[in-house]
Amino acid sequence: MKKVLIADDMHLSITEMLIEAGFDPDYQPKITRDEMLKVIGEFHGLIIRSKTNVDREMLDAATKLEFVGRAGAGIDKIDYPYLTSKNIRLVNAPEGNRDAVGEQTIGVLLSLLHRINLANREVKNDIWDREGNRGFELKNRTVGVFGYGFMGSSLAGKLKGFQCRVIAYDKYKSGFSNEFVEQVDLDTFKAETEILSIHVPLTAETRQLFNADFFNAFPKLKIVLNTARGEVLNSAGLLELLESGKLWGAGLDVLENEKINKLSSEEQEVFDRLKKLDNVILTPHVAGWTHESYERINRVIVNKLQEAGLAVG
């Protein structure tokens, strides 16, 4: 049987699923990079989360490797061109946590519109301020989904019941308008979006794409939501618009630097100012991190490995 190294924390069902599919799994979630480099040459498969860098050094050491399974959607920690040059298959699992991301995005959006987060804190501090916590309705507003992959389409479907207009822009896709969403060009997207939800992978093209200049091109923009990757959004630029009052609020599940105890002085200043804003909701990269998605991601990866015939040989 093909040996598979599981190098990150996974739902424990992964070992049983892999055995049933015909693999020989080795679950080592605490393995260090140095340890991996010494043993990776013994394995035909590698399953990781976002902790592990699969770079040239790792791939050169992985002399028997046939596939990498990414438990989640993002592949920014994987040198994909080099991996494919070695005929190694990449399998990721955006289907596994798309519902979680869609639900979290809506939850944060409703909390911002209806000031739920702030009102909860005030009442717990014996402040009963009804007028100060008067909210806004989502109905009839235009939500712009930037990037229409698994996450963006999940959000669009879940927004249908709120009777808002959902538009989407994706540079690399077309013909996806349906009962949930209206595909538009970039100019229309910028002109009409009131609530922007970001759903793009981290690439050289998207890094720092969402900055102050980008946001200033949206005349109606009121709320920004990012559940994608922190590095696609310039926090300082967003902060500028929040503090000026141009934006009503922001929901950030991801940050440019998520090691919040090891920020540079500049990063720390921006982070401290963001934390003080009542109209900003921050969560620790958990939009796709539910109990259900934790197990479902395993099933998606193993099913794809089976469908690709990677358990054979």
Protein backbone atom coordinates (compact mmCIF):
# COMPACT_ATOMS: atom_id res chain seq x y z
CA MET A 1 0.00 0.00 0.00
CA LYS A 2 1.07 3.56 -0.62
CA LYS A 3 2.40 5.34 2.46
CA VAL A 4 0.83 8.70 3.30
CA LEU A 5 2.31 11.18 5.76
CA ILE A 6 -0.24 13.36 7.56
CA ALA A 7 1.87 16.29 8.73
CA ASP A 8 -0.73 18.59 10.32
CA ASP A 9 -3.58 18.26 12.79
CA MET A 10 -6.58 16.62 11.15
CA HIS A 11 -9.89 15.22 12.26
CA LEU A 12 -8.95 11.75 13.51
CA SER A 13 -11.25 10.11 10.97
CA ILE A 14 -8.56 10.70 8.34
CA THR A 15 -6.57 7.56 9.23
CA GLU A 16 -9.55 5.21 9.06
CA MET A 17 -10.75 6.78 5.80
CA LEU A 18 -7.33 6.39 4.21
CA ILE A 19 -7.01 2.77 5.35
CA GLU A 20 -10.44 1.95 3.91
CA ALA A 21 -9.38 3.60 0.64
CA GLY A 22 -6.29 1.39 0.43
CA PHE A 23 -3.57 3.67 1.80
CA ASP A 24 -1.09 3.22 4.63
CA PRO A 25 -1.39 6.45 6.71
CA ASP A 26 1.19 7.73 9.18
CA TYR A 27 -0.34 10.44 11.38
CA GLN A 28 2.41 12.77 12.65
CA PRO A 29 0.80 16.19 13.27
CA LYS A 30 3.69 17.41 15.44
CA ILE A 31 6.43 16.54 12.99
CA THR A 32 8.97 19.34 12.45
CA ARG A 33 10.22 20.50 9.10
CA ASP A 34 13.67 19.04 9.71
CA GLU A 35 12.11 15.70 10.62
CA MET A 36 9.93 15.81 7.51
CA LEU A 37 12.90 16.43 5.26
CA LYS A 38 14.57 13.31 6.64
CA VAL A 39 11.59 10.97 6.11
CA ILE A 40 9.50 12.43 3.27
CA GLY A 41 11.40 10.32 0.74
CA GLU A 42 9.65 7.22 2.13
CA PHE A 43 6.13 8.47 1.34
CA HIS A 44 3.93 8.37 -1.74
CA GLY A 45 1.46 10.92 -0.38
CA LEU A 46 1.49 13.98 1.88
CA ILE A 47 -1.53 15.57 3.56
CA ILE A 48 -1.17 19.03 5.08
CA ARG A 49 -2.97 22.12 6.29
CA SER A 50 -1.66 25.68 6.09
CA LYS A 51 1.21 25.12 8.55
CA THR A 52 3.45 23.17 6.18
CA ASN A 53 5.44 24.77 3.35
CA VAL A 54 5.73 22.45 0.38
CA ASP A 55 8.57 24.22 -1.37
CA ARG A 56 11.38 23.11 -3.69
CA GLU A 57 13.50 21.78 -0.86
CA MET A 58 10.66 19.62 0.41
CA LEU A 59 9.67 18.43 -3.05
CA ASP A 60 13.26 17.53 -3.98
CA ALA A 61 13.48 15.40 -0.84
CA ALA A 62 10.16 13.71 -1.63
CA THR A 63 11.53 11.30 -4.22
CA LYS A 64 8.52 8.93 -4.18
CA LEU A 65 5.79 11.55 -3.78
CA GLU A 66 2.77 11.14 -6.07
CA PHE A 67 0.29 13.54 -4.48
CA VAL A 68 -0.21 16.32 -1.95
CA GLY A 69 -3.56 16.64 -0.22
CA ARG A 70 -4.36 20.13 1.10
CA ALA A 71 -6.98 20.04 3.86
CA GLY A 72 -8.73 23.24 2.85
CA ALA A 73 -8.81 25.55 -0.13
CA GLY A 74 -5.68 27.73 -0.16
CA ILE A 75 -2.54 26.52 -1.90
CA ASP A 76 -0.32 29.57 -1.30
CA LYS A 77 2.09 27.50 0.85
CA ILE A 78 2.66 25.08 -2.04
CA ASP A 79 5.06 25.67 -4.94
CA TYR A 80 2.46 24.55 -7.46
CA PRO A 81 4.49 25.08 -10.67
CA TYR A 82 7.41 23.06 -9.29
CA LEU A 83 5.07 20.40 -7.93
CA THR A 84 3.40 19.92 -11.32
CA SER A 85 6.80 19.87 -13.06
CA LYS A 86 7.51 16.76 -11.00
CA ASN A 87 4.17 15.20 -12.03
CA ILE A 88 2.90 15.32 -8.47
CA ARG A 89 -0.87 15.64 -8.15
CA LEU A 90 -2.41 18.35 -5.93
CA VAL A 91 -5.76 17.69 -4.28
CA ASN A 92 -7.42 20.39 -2.18
CA ALA A 93 -10.83 20.51 -0.53
CA PRO A 94 -12.66 23.83 -0.93
CA GLU A 95 -15.92 21.88 -1.03
CA GLY A 96 -15.32 20.85 2.58
CA ASN A 97 -15.59 24.26 4.23
CA ARG A 98 -17.53 26.42 1.77
CA ASP A 99 -20.75 26.22 3.79
CA ALA A 100 -18.90 27.22 6.95
CA VAL A 101 -17.35 30.24 5.21
CA GLY A 102 -20.69 31.30 3.76
CA GLU A 103 -22.44 31.09 7.12
CA GLN A 104 -19.69 32.93 9.01
CA THR A 105 -19.65 35.73 6.44
CA ILE A 106 -23.38 36.26 6.83
CA GLY A 107 -23.12 36.11 10.61
CA VAL A 108 -20.45 38.83 10.70
CA LEU A 109 -22.35 40.94 8.17
CA LEU A 110 -25.58 40.83 10.20
CA SER A 111 -23.67 41.62 13.38
CA LEU A 112 -22.18 44.71 11.73
CA LEU A 113 -25.46 45.91 10.22
CA HIS A 114 -27.46 45.39 13.42
CA ARG A 115 -24.64 46.31 15.83
CA ILE A 116 -25.13 42.99 17.63
CA ASN A 117 -21.54 42.70 18.80
CA LEU A 118 -21.50 46.22 20.27
CA ALA A 119 -24.98 46.03 21.77
CA ASN A 120 -24.17 42.75 23.49
CA ARG A 121 -21.09 44.24 25.11
CA GLU A 122 -22.95 47.38 26.22
CA VAL A 123 -25.84 45.50 27.83
CA LYS A 124 -23.37 43.28 29.69
CA ASN A 125 -21.85 46.53 31.01
CA ASP A 126 -25.30 47.83 32.14
CA ILE A 127 -25.70 50.21 29.19
CA TRP A 128 -29.22 50.18 27.70
CA ASP A 129 -28.93 52.29 24.54
CA ARG A 130 -31.66 51.50 22.02
CA GLU A 131 -31.22 54.50 19.74
CA GLY A 132 -27.43 54.18 19.65
CA ASN A 133 -27.81 50.61 18.47
CA ARG A 134 -30.39 51.19 15.75
CA GLY A 135 -29.32 48.96 12.88
CA PHE A 136 -29.59 48.73 9.11
CA GLU A 137 -31.36 46.03 7.11
CA LEU A 138 -29.66 43.79 4.58
CA LYS A 139 -32.80 43.61 2.44
CA ASN A 140 -32.54 45.55 -0.85
CA ARG A 141 -28.81 46.22 -0.45
CA THR A 142 -26.27 45.18 -3.08
CA VAL A 143 -23.68 42.64 -1.96
CA GLY A 144 -20.66 42.33 -4.22
CA VAL A 145 -18.84 39.00 -4.23
CA PHE A 146 -15.28 39.40 -5.54
CA GLY A 147 -14.15 35.96 -6.72
CA TYR A 148 -16.82 33.42 -7.60
CA GLY A 149 -15.36 30.07 -6.63
CA PHE A 150 -16.59 27.63 -4.02
CA MET A 151 -16.65 30.20 -1.21
CA GLY A 152 -18.15 33.04 -3.21
CA SER A 153 -20.88 30.88 -4.70
CA SER A 154 -21.72 29.44 -1.29
CA LEU A 155 -22.22 32.93 0.11
CA ALA A 156 -24.36 33.96 -2.85
CA GLY A 157 -26.69 30.99 -2.39
CA LYS A 158 -27.09 31.67 1.31
CA LEU A 159 -27.92 35.33 0.74
CA LYS A 160 -30.95 34.57 -1.42
CA GLY A 161 -33.40 34.49 1.47
CA PHE A 162 -32.41 37.98 2.61
CA GLN A 163 -33.89 39.60 -0.51
CA CYS A 164 -30.76 41.53 -1.30
CA ARG A 165 -29.13 41.88 -4.69
CA VAL A 166 -26.01 39.78 -5.16
CA ILE A 167 -23.55 40.66 -7.90
CA ALA A 168 -20.22 39.00 -8.57
CA TYR A 169 -17.02 39.68 -10.45
CA ASP A 170 -14.42 37.08 -11.34
CA LYS A 171 -11.60 37.88 -13.75
CA TYR A 172 -11.22 34.23 -14.71
CA LYS A 173 -14.84 33.08 -14.95
CA SER A 174 -17.87 33.97 -17.00
CA GLY A 175 -21.37 32.72 -17.66
CA PHE A 176 -22.17 32.01 -14.01
CA SER A 177 -25.26 34.19 -13.55
CA ASN A 178 -28.11 32.21 -11.99
CA GLU A 179 -31.01 32.58 -9.56
CA PHE A 180 -28.59 33.52 -6.77
CA VAL A 181 -26.17 35.90 -8.45
CA GLU A 182 -25.71 38.34 -11.31
CA GLN A 183 -22.36 38.34 -13.08
CA VAL A 184 -21.13 41.89 -13.80
CA ASP A 185 -18.03 43.55 -15.19
CA LEU A 186 -15.54 45.26 -12.90
CA ASP A 187 -16.80 48.80 -13.55
CA THR A 188 -20.36 47.82 -12.69
CA PHE A 189 -19.14 45.90 -9.67
CA LYS A 190 -17.34 48.94 -8.30
CA ALA A 191 -20.17 51.32 -9.11
CA GLU A 192 -22.95 49.33 -7.43
CA THR A 193 -21.43 47.32 -4.56
CA GLU A 194 -22.43 48.42 -1.07
CA ILE A 195 -21.14 45.39 0.83
CA LEU A 196 -17.93 43.81 -0.49
CA SER A 197 -17.06 40.20 0.33
CA ILE A 198 -13.60 39.05 -0.75
CA HIS A 199 -13.13 35.46 -1.97
CA VAL A 200 -9.87 35.24 -3.91
CA PRO A 201 -6.76 33.09 -3.41
CA LEU A 202 -3.45 34.67 -2.45
CA THR A 203 -1.34 35.07 -5.58
CA ALA A 204 1.17 37.62 -6.86
CA GLU A 205 -1.77 39.29 -8.61
CA THR A 206 -4.04 39.53 -5.56
CA ARG A 207 -1.45 40.38 -2.89
CA GLN A 208 -2.38 43.83 -1.47
CA LEU A 209 -4.96 44.23 -4.24
CA PHE A 210 -7.58 45.56 -1.84
CA ASN A 211 -6.05 48.85 -0.73
CA ALA A 212 -7.29 52.40 -0.14
CA ASP A 213 -7.17 53.30 -3.84
CA PHE A 214 -9.14 50.19 -4.72
CA PHE A 215 -11.81 50.87 -2.10
CA ASN A 216 -12.07 54.55 -3.05
CA ALA A 217 -13.25 53.45 -6.51
CA PHE A 218 -16.48 52.16 -4.89
CA PRO A 219 -18.79 55.18 -4.44
CA LYS A 220 -21.44 53.23 -2.48
CA LEU A 221 -19.18 50.96 -0.43
CA LYS A 222 -20.13 50.68 3.25
CA ILE A 223 -18.85 47.33 4.56
CA VAL A 224 -15.81 45.16 3.70
CA LEU A 225 -15.62 41.46 4.61
CA ASN A 226 -12.52 39.32 4.17
CA THR A 227 -12.54 35.58 4.80
CA ALA A 228 -9.96 34.80 2.10
CA ARG A 229 -6.32 35.58 2.92
CA GLY A 230 -5.08 38.47 5.02
CA GLU A 231 -2.33 39.40 2.60
CA VAL A 232 -4.78 40.32 -0.18
CA LEU A 233 -6.00 43.31 1.87
CA ASN A 234 -3.99 46.31 2.99
CA SER A 235 -5.03 46.83 6.62
CA ALA A 236 -3.63 50.35 6.82
CA GLY A 237 -5.66 51.43 3.80
CA LEU A 238 -8.80 49.87 5.20
CA LEU A 239 -8.18 51.54 8.56
CA GLU A 240 -7.88 54.92 6.87
CA LEU A 241 -11.35 54.57 5.35
CA LEU A 242 -12.89 53.27 8.57
CA GLU A 243 -11.49 56.12 10.65
CA SER A 244 -12.60 58.69 8.07
CA GLY A 245 -16.18 57.41 8.23
CA LYS A 246 -16.32 56.37 4.56
CA LEU A 247 -16.96 52.80 5.65
CA TRP A 248 -19.60 51.70 8.15
CA GLY A 249 -17.60 48.68 9.18
CA ALA A 250 -15.41 45.70 8.39
CA GLY A 251 -15.29 42.02 9.25
CA LEU A 252 -11.86 40.41 9.06
CA ASP A 253 -11.38 36.69 9.65
CA VAL A 254 -7.81 36.92 8.34
CA LEU A 255 -4.95 39.37 8.85
CA GLU A 256 -1.80 40.24 6.92
CA ASN A 257 0.22 38.84 9.82
CA GLU A 258 -1.70 36.34 11.92
CA LYS A 259 1.11 35.92 14.43
CA ILE A 260 -0.41 38.73 16.48
CA ASN A 261 2.16 38.44 19.25
CA LYS A 262 5.00 38.97 16.79
CA LEU A 263 3.94 42.05 14.83
CA SER A 264 6.30 44.71 13.55
CA SER A 265 5.90 48.16 15.12
CA GLU A 266 3.98 49.35 12.06
CA GLU A 267 1.73 46.29 12.06
CA GLN A 268 1.14 46.68 15.79
CA GLU A 269 0.04 50.29 15.40
CA VAL A 270 -2.52 49.41 12.72
CA PHE A 271 -3.76 46.40 14.68
CA ASP A 272 -4.17 48.43 17.88
CA ARG A 273 -6.23 51.05 16.05
CA LEU A 274 -8.39 48.39 14.37
CA LYS A 275 -9.07 46.74 17.74
CA LYS A 276 -10.40 50.00 19.17
CA LEU A 277 -13.06 50.43 16.48
CA ASP A 278 -16.53 49.28 17.49
CA ASN A 279 -17.46 48.78 13.83
CA VAL A 280 -14.72 46.20 13.21
CA ILE A 281 -15.19 42.49 13.96
CA LEU A 282 -12.05 40.36 14.10
CA THR A 283 -12.01 36.55 14.23
CA PRO A 284 -8.97 34.20 14.26
CA HIS A 285 -9.17 32.61 10.78
CA VAL A 286 -12.12 30.42 11.75
CA ALA A 287 -14.64 31.10 8.98
CA GLY A 288 -14.13 27.63 7.54
CA TRP A 289 -13.25 26.04 10.87
CA THR A 290 -16.39 24.27 12.07
CA HIS A 291 -16.81 20.84 13.64
CA GLU A 292 -18.64 19.72 10.50
CA SER A 293 -16.08 21.04 8.02
CA TYR A 294 -13.22 19.54 10.02
CA GLU A 295 -14.51 16.03 9.25
CA ARG A 296 -16.00 16.81 5.84
CA ILE A 297 -12.65 17.99 4.47
CA ASN A 298 -11.24 14.52 5.14
CA ARG A 299 -13.99 12.90 3.10
CA VAL A 300 -13.49 15.31 0.21
CA ILE A 301 -9.74 14.64 0.04
CA VAL A 302 -10.03 10.85 0.30
CA ASN A 303 -12.85 10.74 -2.27
CA LYS A 304 -10.77 12.78 -4.72
CA LEU A 305 -7.76 10.53 -4.20
CA GLN A 306 -9.93 7.49 -4.94
CA GLU A 307 -11.53 9.08 -7.99
CA ALA A 308 -8.06 9.89 -9.33
CA GLY A 309 -6.99 6.27 -8.87
CA LEU A 310 -4.12 7.28 -6.59
CA ALA A 311 -4.60 4.40 -4.18
CA VAL A 312 -3.71 1.95 -6.91
CA GLY A 313 -0.21 0.84 -7.82
